Protein backbone atom coordinates (compact mmCIF):
# COMPACT_ATOMS: atom_id res chain seq x y z
CA UNK A 1 343.55 270.21 -4.71
CA UNK A 2 345.49 267.03 -5.27
CA UNK A 3 346.21 266.82 -1.54
CA UNK A 4 342.48 267.19 -0.75
CA UNK A 5 341.52 264.54 -3.27
CA UNK A 6 344.04 262.14 -1.85
CA UNK A 7 342.88 262.58 1.72
CA UNK A 8 341.70 259.39 3.40
CA UNK A 9 342.98 257.23 0.57
CA UNK A 10 345.79 255.21 2.00
CA UNK A 11 347.07 251.81 1.01
CA UNK A 12 344.25 249.34 0.66
CA UNK A 13 341.59 251.94 1.39
CA UNK A 14 339.15 250.28 -1.00
CA UNK A 15 339.88 246.71 0.06
CA UNK A 16 336.90 244.69 1.29
CA UNK A 17 337.00 243.78 4.96
CA UNK A 18 337.81 240.19 5.77
CA UNK A 19 335.06 238.25 7.46
CA UNK A 20 335.91 236.94 10.87
CA UNK A 21 336.35 233.14 10.76
CA UNK A 22 333.80 230.96 12.52
CA UNK A 23 336.41 229.31 14.76
CA UNK A 24 339.57 230.59 16.42
CA UNK A 25 342.57 228.35 15.96
CA UNK A 26 345.52 227.60 18.22
CA UNK A 27 348.40 225.27 17.31
CA UNK A 28 349.36 223.06 20.25
CA UNK A 29 352.26 221.04 18.87
CA UNK A 30 354.20 220.56 15.62
CA UNK A 31 356.64 217.66 15.58
CA UNK A 32 358.65 215.72 13.05
CA UNK A 33 357.91 212.03 12.91
CA UNK A 34 359.85 209.39 11.05
CA UNK A 35 358.61 206.08 9.73
CA UNK A 36 361.23 203.46 8.92
CA UNK A 37 360.36 201.35 5.88
CA UNK A 38 362.22 198.92 3.64
CA UNK A 39 363.18 201.74 1.30
CA UNK A 40 364.47 203.97 4.10
CA UNK A 41 363.18 206.61 6.50
CA UNK A 42 360.08 208.62 5.59
CA UNK A 43 359.92 212.03 7.23
CA UNK A 44 356.56 213.71 7.89
CA UNK A 45 355.10 216.35 10.21
CA UNK A 46 352.46 215.84 12.88
CA UNK A 47 350.29 218.80 13.86
CA UNK A 48 347.97 219.04 16.86
CA UNK A 49 345.68 222.06 17.03
CA UNK A 50 342.50 223.20 18.80
CA UNK A 51 339.53 225.04 17.30
CA UNK A 52 336.89 226.93 19.27
CA UNK A 53 334.23 229.60 18.81
CA UNK A 54 334.52 230.91 22.41
CA UNK A 55 330.78 230.25 22.78
CA UNK A 56 330.85 226.71 24.17
CA UNK A 57 332.08 224.70 21.18
CA UNK A 58 335.61 223.31 20.95
CA UNK A 59 337.41 220.51 19.13
CA UNK A 60 340.91 219.21 18.43
CA UNK A 61 342.59 217.53 15.49
CA UNK A 62 345.81 215.56 15.02
CA UNK A 63 347.05 214.85 11.51
CA UNK A 64 350.26 214.00 9.68
CA UNK A 65 351.49 215.04 6.23
CA UNK A 66 354.68 215.63 4.25
CA UNK A 67 354.19 219.39 4.61
CA UNK A 68 353.30 221.41 7.72
CA UNK A 69 350.67 223.50 5.93
CA UNK A 70 348.94 220.41 4.54
CA UNK A 71 349.01 218.75 7.96
CA UNK A 72 347.39 221.85 9.50
CA UNK A 73 344.60 221.86 6.91
CA UNK A 74 343.88 218.19 7.58
CA UNK A 75 343.94 218.79 11.36
CA UNK A 76 341.47 221.70 11.02
CA UNK A 77 339.04 219.48 9.07
CA UNK A 78 339.33 216.75 11.70
CA UNK A 79 338.78 219.24 14.54
CA UNK A 80 335.59 220.54 12.88
CA UNK A 81 334.25 216.98 12.75
CA UNK A 82 335.09 216.31 16.41
CA UNK A 83 333.45 219.39 17.94
CA UNK A 84 331.95 219.06 21.41
CA UNK A 85 329.73 221.44 23.38
CA UNK A 86 330.86 222.45 26.86
CA UNK A 87 327.99 223.00 29.34
CA UNK A 88 328.28 226.09 31.54
CA UNK A 89 326.45 227.36 34.60
CA UNK A 90 326.94 230.76 36.30
CA UNK A 91 329.91 231.60 34.02
CA UNK A 92 331.81 228.45 34.94
CA UNK A 93 331.64 224.67 34.53
CA UNK A 94 328.72 222.94 36.33
CA UNK A 95 330.74 220.67 38.62
CA UNK A 96 334.14 219.20 39.42
CA UNK A 97 335.36 216.45 37.13
CA UNK A 98 338.44 214.22 36.90
CA UNK A 99 339.59 212.39 33.78
CA UNK A 100 342.47 210.09 32.91
CA UNK A 101 343.84 209.37 29.46
CA UNK A 102 346.91 207.13 29.32
CA UNK A 103 349.46 208.90 31.58
CA UNK A 104 347.56 212.20 31.54
CA UNK A 105 345.35 213.11 34.50
CA UNK A 106 343.28 216.30 34.55
CA UNK A 107 341.16 217.82 37.32
CA UNK A 108 338.69 220.56 36.35
CA UNK A 109 336.92 222.61 39.02
CA UNK A 110 334.35 225.43 38.98
CA UNK A 111 335.53 228.90 39.99
CA UNK A 112 333.70 232.05 41.20
CA UNK A 113 333.04 234.96 38.86
CA UNK A 114 336.00 237.25 38.29
CA UNK A 115 338.65 234.62 38.97
CA UNK A 116 339.31 233.86 35.29
CA UNK A 117 340.96 230.69 34.04
CA UNK A 118 343.45 229.33 36.57
CA UNK A 119 345.20 226.63 34.56
CA UNK A 120 348.41 225.98 32.72
CA UNK A 121 349.76 224.49 29.53
CA UNK A 122 347.21 223.16 27.00
CA UNK A 123 344.31 223.13 29.49
CA UNK A 124 344.25 226.92 29.59
CA UNK A 125 344.23 227.14 25.78
CA UNK A 126 341.34 224.68 25.45
CA UNK A 127 339.19 226.35 28.13
CA UNK A 128 339.87 229.76 26.59
CA UNK A 129 338.84 228.64 23.09
CA UNK A 130 335.78 226.90 24.56
CA UNK A 131 334.67 230.23 26.04
CA UNK A 132 334.72 229.20 29.70
CA UNK A 133 335.20 232.52 31.55
CA UNK A 134 336.01 231.13 35.01
CA UNK A 135 337.50 227.74 35.86
CA UNK A 136 340.32 226.13 37.76
CA UNK A 137 342.31 223.14 36.51
CA UNK A 138 345.23 221.02 37.60
CA UNK A 139 347.38 218.59 35.62
CA UNK A 140 347.92 215.70 38.03
CA UNK A 141 349.69 213.33 35.63
CA UNK A 142 353.46 213.10 35.42
CA UNK A 143 353.60 213.27 31.64
CA UNK A 144 354.54 216.45 29.80
CA UNK A 145 353.23 215.15 26.49
CA UNK A 146 350.91 217.87 25.19
CA UNK A 147 348.88 215.50 23.02
CA UNK A 148 348.13 213.22 25.98
CA UNK A 149 347.05 216.18 28.12
CA UNK A 150 344.81 217.46 25.29
CA UNK A 151 343.05 214.08 25.10
CA UNK A 152 342.65 213.97 28.90
CA UNK A 153 341.20 217.51 28.94
CA UNK A 154 338.65 216.65 26.27
CA UNK A 155 337.73 213.48 28.16
CA UNK A 156 337.05 215.67 31.21
CA UNK A 157 334.96 218.16 29.21
CA UNK A 158 332.89 215.33 27.72
CA UNK A 159 332.18 214.03 31.23
CA UNK A 160 330.55 217.34 32.25
CA UNK A 161 326.77 217.29 32.64
CA UNK A 162 324.61 220.44 32.51
CA UNK A 163 323.12 221.67 35.77
CA UNK A 164 319.31 221.48 35.72
CA UNK A 165 317.20 223.00 38.49
CA UNK A 166 314.68 220.56 39.94
CA UNK A 167 311.05 221.29 39.04
CA UNK A 168 312.06 224.39 37.09
CA UNK A 169 308.92 226.18 35.89
CA UNK A 170 306.56 223.43 37.10
CA UNK A 171 304.53 222.92 40.22
CA UNK A 172 306.20 220.76 42.81
CA UNK A 173 304.68 217.29 42.88
CA UNK A 174 302.72 216.21 45.94
CA UNK A 175 304.84 214.21 48.36
CA UNK A 176 303.30 211.56 50.53
CA UNK A 177 303.97 211.74 54.24
CA UNK A 178 305.49 208.80 56.02
CA UNK A 179 302.17 207.98 57.69
CA UNK A 180 300.35 207.98 54.32
CA UNK A 181 303.02 206.00 52.58
CA UNK A 182 303.18 203.41 55.34
CA UNK A 183 301.12 200.42 54.43
CA UNK A 184 298.93 198.85 57.11
CA UNK A 185 300.59 195.84 58.67
CA UNK A 186 299.18 192.48 57.75
CA UNK A 187 297.33 190.69 60.51
CA UNK A 188 298.33 187.06 60.65
CA UNK A 189 295.33 184.77 60.70
CA UNK A 190 295.38 182.30 63.62
CA UNK A 191 296.48 178.89 62.49
CA UNK A 192 294.18 176.06 63.19
CA UNK A 193 295.64 173.37 65.35
CA UNK A 194 295.83 170.07 63.60
CA UNK A 195 293.36 167.66 65.08
CA UNK A 196 294.92 164.42 66.34
CA UNK A 197 294.19 161.50 64.12
CA UNK A 198 292.10 158.78 65.69
């Protein structure tokens, strides 16, 4: 009887399920930074992370604090304030775009369906969190600084413009032919010859 009563009751069987957070989070870089002051060196931590809902919204935050956990909380708040929307067309980005930020150079290109994200380093992470299913990217800059490449990638995403079909859902406007648009040539009036003065 006791065994039957205990069936299906494991550890945490009655715990409420955790709600899935609105944004997925990925830490890009955690580094120690030192500031030299009159009283000595002050050590703090700098955190760079990316937030995204995988539905077209993505943002990044960079913050410093004395503790890593505190720096991450501040970076999350900053990323939520700096969210951008990535336009998509046919499961990829609308067009090719190039962006430069300091020494970072990023080239983003559309890709056919089924190809996935062909990119490396931080560019892949950002496109994945943005929810772009197919895209190709190349880091053309010589720098390996992750923060610089993150800024360059976001500059490229902000330069994207949504693809809009011409005259979508409306009747095509009437177009004048060349003959109709051509204005009749002006006929020069004959000039009167000046009469010789007597």
